Amino acid sequence: MGRNGWIVLGIVLLALAAGAFFLEGFSWVTEETVIDAGPLQVTAEEEQRVGLPLWASLVLGAGGVVALAVGMGKKG
């Protein structure tokens, strides 16, 4: 991987680390049918959440710093 590749990888990893740190995960809503009795249908919305631990953002950030250091240290 060339110099620019390492720099781009470092920037991407740092951006992912910042997103993981500030967002602390992501969530989505699912809709389930609770009762389905002929013409009567009752649905419920349920929020699903996946949390990202702090160590994940720290590992991504460290990887980004290392990739930037490698990219800046290479010649050519």
C-alpha atoms as a PDB file:
ATOM      1  CA  MET A   1       0.000   0.000   0.000  1.00  0.00           C
ATOM      2  CA  GLY A   2       1.379   3.374  -0.961  1.00  0.00           C
ATOM      3  CA  ARG A   3       1.682   6.494   1.112  1.00  0.00           C
ATOM      4  CA  ASN A   4      -1.678   7.929   0.068  1.00  0.00           C
ATOM      5  CA  GLY A   5      -3.406   4.629   0.814  1.00  0.00           C
ATOM      6  CA  TRP A   6      -2.170   4.645   4.407  1.00  0.00           C
ATOM      7  CA  ILE A   7      -3.210   8.264   4.875  1.00  0.00           C
ATOM      8  CA  VAL A   8      -6.702   7.626   3.492  1.00  0.00           C
ATOM      9  CA  LEU A   9      -7.038   4.513   5.654  1.00  0.00           C
ATOM     10  CA  GLY A  10      -5.994   6.519   8.725  1.00  0.00           C
ATOM     11  CA  ILE A  11      -8.538   9.247   8.008  1.00  0.00           C
ATOM     12  CA  VAL A  12     -11.318   6.703   7.450  1.00  0.00           C
ATOM     13  CA  LEU A  13     -10.466   4.864  10.686  1.00  0.00           C
ATOM     14  CA  LEU A  14     -10.406   8.116  12.653  1.00  0.00           C
ATOM     15  CA  ALA A  15     -13.779   9.145  11.200  1.00  0.00           C
ATOM     16  CA  LEU A  16     -15.250   5.760  12.145  1.00  0.00           C
ATOM     17  CA  ALA A  17     -13.789   6.089  15.639  1.00  0.00           C
ATOM     18  CA  ALA A  18     -15.368   9.524  16.087  1.00  0.00           C
ATOM     19  CA  GLY A  19     -18.719   8.210  14.860  1.00  0.00           C
ATOM     20  CA  ALA A  20     -18.573   5.192  17.164  1.00  0.00           C
ATOM     21  CA  PHE A  21     -17.631   7.401  20.118  1.00  0.00           C
ATOM     22  CA  PHE A  22     -20.348  10.028  19.654  1.00  0.00           C
ATOM     23  CA  LEU A  23     -23.185   7.830  18.376  1.00  0.00           C
ATOM     24  CA  GLU A  24     -22.578   4.995  20.843  1.00  0.00           C
ATOM     25  CA  GLY A  25     -24.364   2.529  18.545  1.00  0.00           C
ATOM     26  CA  PHE A  26     -27.332   2.525  16.225  1.00  0.00           C
ATOM     27  CA  SER A  27     -30.983   1.564  16.400  1.00  0.00           C
ATOM     28  CA  TRP A  28     -33.896   0.655  14.158  1.00  0.00           C
ATOM     29  CA  VAL A  29     -37.619   0.078  14.582  1.00  0.00           C
ATOM     30  CA  THR A  30     -39.390  -3.178  13.753  1.00  0.00           C
ATOM     31  CA  GLU A  31     -43.143  -3.614  13.447  1.00  0.00           C
ATOM     32  CA  GLU A  32     -44.720  -6.835  14.692  1.00  0.00           C
ATOM     33  CA  THR A  33     -48.267  -8.100  14.333  1.00  0.00           C
ATOM     34  CA  VAL A  34     -49.548  -8.825  17.844  1.00  0.00           C
ATOM     35  CA  ILE A  35     -53.120  -9.872  17.021  1.00  0.00           C
ATOM     36  CA  ASP A  36     -54.383 -11.012  13.633  1.00  0.00           C
ATOM     37  CA  ALA A  37     -57.992 -12.166  14.005  1.00  0.00           C
ATOM     38  CA  GLY A  38     -59.840 -11.745  10.724  1.00  0.00           C
ATOM     39  CA  PRO A  39     -60.468  -8.045  10.078  1.00  0.00           C
ATOM     40  CA  LEU A  40     -58.884  -7.071  13.423  1.00  0.00           C
ATOM     41  CA  GLN A  41     -55.145  -6.567  13.261  1.00  0.00           C
ATOM     42  CA  VAL A  42     -53.036  -5.021  16.021  1.00  0.00           C
ATOM     43  CA  THR A  43     -49.382  -4.153  15.471  1.00  0.00           C
ATOM     44  CA  ALA A  44     -46.676  -2.959  17.823  1.00  0.00           C
ATOM     45  CA  GLU A  45     -43.445  -1.121  17.103  1.00  0.00           C
ATOM     46  CA  GLU A  46     -40.331  -2.221  18.918  1.00  0.00           C
ATOM     47  CA  GLU A  47     -37.003  -0.396  18.896  1.00  0.00           C
ATOM     48  CA  GLN A  48     -33.945  -2.588  18.427  1.00  0.00           C
ATOM     49  CA  ARG A  49     -30.571  -1.198  19.511  1.00  0.00           C
ATOM     50  CA  VAL A  50     -26.985  -2.277  19.019  1.00  0.00           C
ATOM     51  CA  GLY A  51     -24.508  -0.514  21.258  1.00  0.00           C
ATOM     52  CA  LEU A  52     -20.848  -0.021  20.434  1.00  0.00           C
ATOM     53  CA  PRO A  53     -18.492  -0.278  23.405  1.00  0.00           C
ATOM     54  CA  LEU A  54     -15.993   2.463  24.165  1.00  0.00           C
ATOM     55  CA  TRP A  55     -13.051   0.130  23.542  1.00  0.00           C
ATOM     56  CA  ALA A  56     -14.165  -0.301  19.905  1.00  0.00           C
ATOM     57  CA  SER A  57     -13.861   3.428  19.229  1.00  0.00           C
ATOM     58  CA  LEU A  58     -10.497   3.510  21.020  1.00  0.00           C
ATOM     59  CA  VAL A  59      -9.165   0.624  18.897  1.00  0.00           C
ATOM     60  CA  LEU A  60     -10.380   2.309  15.691  1.00  0.00           C
ATOM     61  CA  GLY A  61      -8.788   5.589  16.758  1.00  0.00           C
ATOM     62  CA  ALA A  62      -5.473   3.938  17.595  1.00  0.00           C
ATOM     63  CA  GLY A  63      -5.497   2.132  14.261  1.00  0.00           C
ATOM     64  CA  GLY A  64      -6.150   5.423  12.500  1.00  0.00           C
ATOM     65  CA  VAL A  65      -3.266   7.123  14.260  1.00  0.00           C
ATOM     66  CA  VAL A  66      -0.919   4.232  13.407  1.00  0.00           C
ATOM     67  CA  ALA A  67      -2.027   4.241   9.760  1.00  0.00           C
ATOM     68  CA  LEU A  68      -1.477   7.999   9.528  1.00  0.00           C
ATOM     69  CA  ALA A  69       1.957   7.665  11.119  1.00  0.00           C
ATOM     70  CA  VAL A  70       2.924   4.944   8.664  1.00  0.00           C
ATOM     71  CA  GLY A  71       1.628   7.004   5.741  1.00  0.00           C
ATOM     72  CA  MET A  72       3.431  10.152   6.844  1.00  0.00           C
ATOM     73  CA  GLY A  73       6.671   8.252   7.455  1.00  0.00           C
ATOM     74  CA  LYS A  74       6.812   6.608   4.021  1.00  0.00           C
ATOM     75  CA  LYS A  75       8.656   8.301   1.205  1.00  0.00           C
ATOM     76  CA  GLY A  76       7.242   8.365  -2.292  1.00  0.00           C
END
